[in-house]
Amino acid sequence: MDSSSHCDQSLLSAECEEGIDEEENLYQQLLLQAAQEMQSQVTPNSKPIKPEPGFCVKTKTSGGGKVFVNICQSSQIPPPDISEAELVELLQSEDPSGFRVPMSLGEPHAEIDNSSNGCTAYDVVINPECFNKAKGSELVLEFLICVARGLENKY
């Protein structure tokens, strides 16, 4: 083997190492860019919360797929400013759309049901005061479930 071929191999080796360094730098830049994009997508007024368990509503899609709506509770969600009597009055009015229940609606996520089949689940977080009202009043519970089922309009 002559010295020129040995020299060629070492040049290739150096070029390969430079290529690896360039790929690694490009990879690092792409990771940094992706992280910055993710941070820019976070709503400035949002904050993560860890809700307490509540109850689950099981329903189905028009195609027959199972959907679970997990009604959870957190004191970080403001309580609704309405009594049961005001709710009845509102529901009997011609325009019941003037009232909003403060809640946090989670993105749909895949889950596995008890039969080991795939399904979709949504998390709805409400204030514990609202949650307790729903436990003590069938009217408030049904109203809350109807509001939570409004997820189908959003998703």
C-alpha atoms as a PDB file:
ATOM      1  CA  MET A   1       0.000   0.000   0.000  1.00  0.00           C
ATOM      2  CA  ASP A   2       1.503   3.332  -0.963  1.00  0.00           C
ATOM      3  CA  SER A   3       1.375   6.482   1.104  1.00  0.00           C
ATOM      4  CA  SER A   4      -1.035   8.252  -1.263  1.00  0.00           C
ATOM      5  CA  SER A   5      -3.817   5.708  -0.664  1.00  0.00           C
ATOM      6  CA  HIS A   6      -3.191   5.911   3.071  1.00  0.00           C
ATOM      7  CA  CYS A   7      -3.467   9.664   2.802  1.00  0.00           C
ATOM      8  CA  ASP A   8      -6.741   9.367   0.872  1.00  0.00           C
ATOM      9  CA  GLN A   9      -8.264   7.188   3.590  1.00  0.00           C
ATOM     10  CA  SER A  10      -7.342   9.612   6.345  1.00  0.00           C
ATOM     11  CA  LEU A  11      -8.839  12.464   4.321  1.00  0.00           C
ATOM     12  CA  LEU A  12     -12.068  10.470   3.932  1.00  0.00           C
ATOM     13  CA  SER A  13     -12.071   9.748   7.618  1.00  0.00           C
ATOM     14  CA  ALA A  14     -11.711  13.447   8.433  1.00  0.00           C
ATOM     15  CA  GLU A  15     -14.482  14.308   5.959  1.00  0.00           C
ATOM     16  CA  CYS A  16     -16.758  11.670   7.534  1.00  0.00           C
ATOM     17  CA  GLU A  17     -16.101  13.068  11.001  1.00  0.00           C
ATOM     18  CA  GLU A  18     -16.900  16.566   9.738  1.00  0.00           C
ATOM     19  CA  GLY A  19     -20.106  15.195   8.162  1.00  0.00           C
ATOM     20  CA  ILE A  20     -21.104  13.613  11.472  1.00  0.00           C
ATOM     21  CA  ASP A  21     -20.436  16.862  13.315  1.00  0.00           C
ATOM     22  CA  GLU A  22     -22.506  18.773  10.747  1.00  0.00           C
ATOM     23  CA  GLU A  23     -25.363  16.259  11.062  1.00  0.00           C
ATOM     24  CA  GLU A  24     -25.233  16.466  14.840  1.00  0.00           C
ATOM     25  CA  ASN A  25     -25.266  20.283  14.707  1.00  0.00           C
ATOM     26  CA  LEU A  26     -28.196  20.197  12.291  1.00  0.00           C
ATOM     27  CA  TYR A  27     -29.995  17.730  14.570  1.00  0.00           C
ATOM     28  CA  GLN A  28     -29.384  19.974  17.602  1.00  0.00           C
ATOM     29  CA  GLN A  29     -30.662  23.014  15.673  1.00  0.00           C
ATOM     30  CA  LEU A  30     -33.809  21.157  14.637  1.00  0.00           C
ATOM     31  CA  LEU A  31     -34.452  20.064  18.236  1.00  0.00           C
ATOM     32  CA  LEU A  32     -33.992  23.635  19.468  1.00  0.00           C
ATOM     33  CA  GLN A  33     -36.304  24.963  16.768  1.00  0.00           C
ATOM     34  CA  ALA A  34     -38.994  22.378  17.621  1.00  0.00           C
ATOM     35  CA  ALA A  35     -38.756  23.223  21.325  1.00  0.00           C
ATOM     36  CA  GLN A  36     -39.108  26.932  20.582  1.00  0.00           C
ATOM     37  CA  GLU A  37     -42.136  26.279  18.364  1.00  0.00           C
ATOM     38  CA  MET A  38     -43.772  24.215  21.109  1.00  0.00           C
ATOM     39  CA  GLN A  39     -43.216  26.991  23.634  1.00  0.00           C
ATOM     40  CA  SER A  40     -44.701  29.582  21.286  1.00  0.00           C
ATOM     41  CA  GLN A  41     -47.858  27.456  20.922  1.00  0.00           C
ATOM     42  CA  VAL A  42     -48.580  27.497  24.665  1.00  0.00           C
ATOM     43  CA  THR A  43     -51.246  30.032  25.506  1.00  0.00           C
ATOM     44  CA  PRO A  44     -49.732  32.716  27.770  1.00  0.00           C
ATOM     45  CA  ASN A  45     -52.721  32.565  30.156  1.00  0.00           C
ATOM     46  CA  SER A  46     -52.651  28.792  30.481  1.00  0.00           C
ATOM     47  CA  LYS A  47     -51.156  26.812  33.319  1.00  0.00           C
ATOM     48  CA  PRO A  48     -50.987  23.107  34.028  1.00  0.00           C
ATOM     49  CA  ILE A  49     -53.321  21.743  36.699  1.00  0.00           C
ATOM     50  CA  LYS A  50     -53.573  18.359  38.340  1.00  0.00           C
ATOM     51  CA  PRO A  51     -57.277  17.622  38.822  1.00  0.00           C
ATOM     52  CA  GLU A  52     -58.821  15.358  41.414  1.00  0.00           C
ATOM     53  CA  PRO A  53     -60.918  12.393  40.215  1.00  0.00           C
ATOM     54  CA  GLY A  54     -64.643  12.744  39.746  1.00  0.00           C
ATOM     55  CA  PHE A  55     -66.869  10.539  37.615  1.00  0.00           C
ATOM     56  CA  CYS A  56     -66.971   9.239  34.064  1.00  0.00           C
ATOM     57  CA  VAL A  57     -69.695   9.474  31.441  1.00  0.00           C
ATOM     58  CA  LYS A  58     -69.678   6.753  28.775  1.00  0.00           C
ATOM     59  CA  THR A  59     -71.199   7.538  25.404  1.00  0.00           C
ATOM     60  CA  LYS A  60     -70.766   6.519  21.759  1.00  0.00           C
ATOM     61  CA  THR A  61     -69.965   8.197  18.474  1.00  0.00           C
ATOM     62  CA  SER A  62     -72.436   8.053  15.595  1.00  0.00           C
ATOM     63  CA  GLY A  63     -70.237   5.251  14.204  1.00  0.00           C
ATOM     64  CA  GLY A  64     -70.556   3.205  17.401  1.00  0.00           C
ATOM     65  CA  GLY A  65     -67.112   3.950  18.879  1.00  0.00           C
ATOM     66  CA  LYS A  66     -66.879   4.334  22.651  1.00  0.00           C
ATOM     67  CA  VAL A  67     -66.194   7.775  24.092  1.00  0.00           C
ATOM     68  CA  PHE A  68     -65.492   8.495  27.747  1.00  0.00           C
ATOM     69  CA  VAL A  69     -65.858  11.950  29.281  1.00  0.00           C
ATOM     70  CA  ASN A  70     -63.958  12.172  32.566  1.00  0.00           C
ATOM     71  CA  ILE A  71     -65.482  14.869  34.786  1.00  0.00           C
ATOM     72  CA  CYS A  72     -62.703  15.900  37.173  1.00  0.00           C
ATOM     73  CA  GLN A  73     -62.390  18.706  39.715  1.00  0.00           C
ATOM     74  CA  SER A  74     -59.850  21.354  40.632  1.00  0.00           C
ATOM     75  CA  SER A  75     -60.042  24.426  42.823  1.00  0.00           C
ATOM     76  CA  GLN A  76     -57.963  26.211  40.165  1.00  0.00           C
ATOM     77  CA  ILE A  77     -61.120  26.405  38.015  1.00  0.00           C
ATOM     78  CA  PRO A  78     -63.442  29.228  39.154  1.00  0.00           C
ATOM     79  CA  PRO A  79     -66.865  28.218  40.505  1.00  0.00           C
ATOM     80  CA  PRO A  80     -69.983  28.983  38.444  1.00  0.00           C
ATOM     81  CA  ASP A  81     -71.869  32.009  39.668  1.00  0.00           C
ATOM     82  CA  ILE A  82     -75.394  30.590  39.610  1.00  0.00           C
ATOM     83  CA  SER A  83     -77.782  28.965  42.050  1.00  0.00           C
ATOM     84  CA  GLU A  84     -80.009  26.019  41.209  1.00  0.00           C
ATOM     85  CA  ALA A  85     -83.068  28.303  41.132  1.00  0.00           C
ATOM     86  CA  GLU A  86     -81.263  30.665  38.718  1.00  0.00           C
ATOM     87  CA  LEU A  87     -80.300  27.660  36.586  1.00  0.00           C
ATOM     88  CA  VAL A  88     -83.954  26.542  36.371  1.00  0.00           C
ATOM     89  CA  GLU A  89     -84.961  30.095  35.414  1.00  0.00           C
ATOM     90  CA  LEU A  90     -82.209  30.248  32.799  1.00  0.00           C
ATOM     91  CA  LEU A  91     -83.174  26.883  31.287  1.00  0.00           C
ATOM     92  CA  GLN A  92     -86.806  27.988  31.019  1.00  0.00           C
ATOM     93  CA  SER A  93     -85.872  31.277  29.348  1.00  0.00           C
ATOM     94  CA  GLU A  94     -86.009  31.814  25.588  1.00  0.00           C
ATOM     95  CA  ASP A  95     -82.232  32.327  25.368  1.00  0.00           C
ATOM     96  CA  PRO A  96     -80.403  29.997  27.785  1.00  0.00           C
ATOM     97  CA  SER A  97     -77.068  30.603  26.013  1.00  0.00           C
ATOM     98  CA  GLY A  98     -76.120  33.566  28.229  1.00  0.00           C
ATOM     99  CA  PHE A  99     -74.524  31.426  30.961  1.00  0.00           C
ATOM    100  CA  ARG A 100     -71.197  29.631  30.741  1.00  0.00           C
ATOM    101  CA  VAL A 101     -69.895  26.992  33.128  1.00  0.00           C
ATOM    102  CA  PRO A 102     -66.209  27.646  33.888  1.00  0.00           C
ATOM    103  CA  MET A 103     -64.346  24.489  32.904  1.00  0.00           C
ATOM    104  CA  SER A 104     -61.190  23.259  31.285  1.00  0.00           C
ATOM    105  CA  LEU A 105     -61.663  20.987  28.277  1.00  0.00           C
ATOM    106  CA  GLY A 106     -58.841  18.615  27.454  1.00  0.00           C
ATOM    107  CA  GLU A 107     -57.809  17.421  24.019  1.00  0.00           C
ATOM    108  CA  PRO A 108     -59.106  14.006  22.933  1.00  0.00           C
ATOM    109  CA  HIS A 109     -56.750  11.163  23.796  1.00  0.00           C
ATOM    110  CA  ALA A 110     -56.693   7.450  23.081  1.00  0.00           C
ATOM    111  CA  GLU A 111     -57.433   5.028  25.904  1.00  0.00           C
ATOM    112  CA  ILE A 112     -58.126   1.311  26.342  1.00  0.00           C
ATOM    113  CA  ASP A 113     -61.511   0.293  27.761  1.00  0.00           C
ATOM    114  CA  ASN A 114     -62.179  -2.626  30.142  1.00  0.00           C
ATOM    115  CA  SER A 115     -62.544  -4.974  27.147  1.00  0.00           C
ATOM    116  CA  SER A 116     -59.049  -4.017  25.929  1.00  0.00           C
ATOM    117  CA  ASN A 117     -60.517  -2.140  22.967  1.00  0.00           C
ATOM    118  CA  GLY A 118     -59.407   1.305  21.861  1.00  0.00           C
ATOM    119  CA  CYS A 119     -61.592   4.294  22.643  1.00  0.00           C
ATOM    120  CA  THR A 120     -61.408   8.069  22.893  1.00  0.00           C
ATOM    121  CA  ALA A 121     -61.432   9.951  26.182  1.00  0.00           C
ATOM    122  CA  TYR A 122     -61.843  13.615  27.074  1.00  0.00           C
ATOM    123  CA  ASP A 123     -61.070  15.283  30.383  1.00  0.00           C
ATOM    124  CA  VAL A 124     -63.371  18.035  31.633  1.00  0.00           C
ATOM    125  CA  VAL A 125     -62.254  19.847  34.778  1.00  0.00           C
ATOM    126  CA  ILE A 126     -64.715  21.837  36.880  1.00  0.00           C
ATOM    127  CA  ASN A 127     -64.618  23.558  40.251  1.00  0.00           C
ATOM    128  CA  PRO A 128     -65.251  21.299  43.305  1.00  0.00           C
ATOM    129  CA  GLU A 129     -68.196  23.504  44.311  1.00  0.00           C
ATOM    130  CA  CYS A 130     -69.844  22.809  40.953  1.00  0.00           C
ATOM    131  CA  PHE A 131     -68.940  19.130  41.260  1.00  0.00           C
ATOM    132  CA  ASN A 132     -70.588  18.910  44.710  1.00  0.00           C
ATOM    133  CA  LYS A 133     -73.709  20.700  43.427  1.00  0.00           C
ATOM    134  CA  ALA A 134     -73.930  18.120  40.639  1.00  0.00           C
ATOM    135  CA  LYS A 135     -73.651  15.251  43.150  1.00  0.00           C
ATOM    136  CA  GLY A 136     -76.522  16.727  45.180  1.00  0.00           C
ATOM    137  CA  SER A 137     -78.853  17.742  42.362  1.00  0.00           C
ATOM    138  CA  GLU A 138     -80.047  15.669  39.436  1.00  0.00           C
ATOM    139  CA  LEU A 139     -80.860  18.872  37.527  1.00  0.00           C
ATOM    140  CA  VAL A 140     -77.338  20.283  37.936  1.00  0.00           C
ATOM    141  CA  LEU A 141     -75.823  16.881  37.094  1.00  0.00           C
ATOM    142  CA  GLU A 142     -77.836  16.575  33.871  1.00  0.00           C
ATOM    143  CA  PHE A 143     -77.010  20.176  32.950  1.00  0.00           C
ATOM    144  CA  LEU A 144     -73.310  19.559  33.550  1.00  0.00           C
ATOM    145  CA  ILE A 145     -73.341  16.377  31.439  1.00  0.00           C
ATOM    146  CA  CYS A 146     -75.130  18.235  28.615  1.00  0.00           C
ATOM    147  CA  VAL A 147     -72.515  20.995  28.741  1.00  0.00           C
ATOM    148  CA  ALA A 148     -69.695  18.438  28.761  1.00  0.00           C
ATOM    149  CA  ARG A 149     -71.252  16.646  25.793  1.00  0.00           C
ATOM    150  CA  GLY A 150     -70.845  19.914  23.953  1.00  0.00           C
ATOM    151  CA  LEU A 151     -67.318  18.630  23.342  1.00  0.00           C
ATOM    152  CA  GLU A 152     -68.637  17.071  20.171  1.00  0.00           C
ATOM    153  CA  ASN A 153     -69.142  20.594  18.795  1.00  0.00           C
ATOM    154  CA  LYS A 154     -65.576  21.525  19.623  1.00  0.00           C
ATOM    155  CA  TYR A 155     -63.979  18.298  18.366  1.00  0.00           C
END
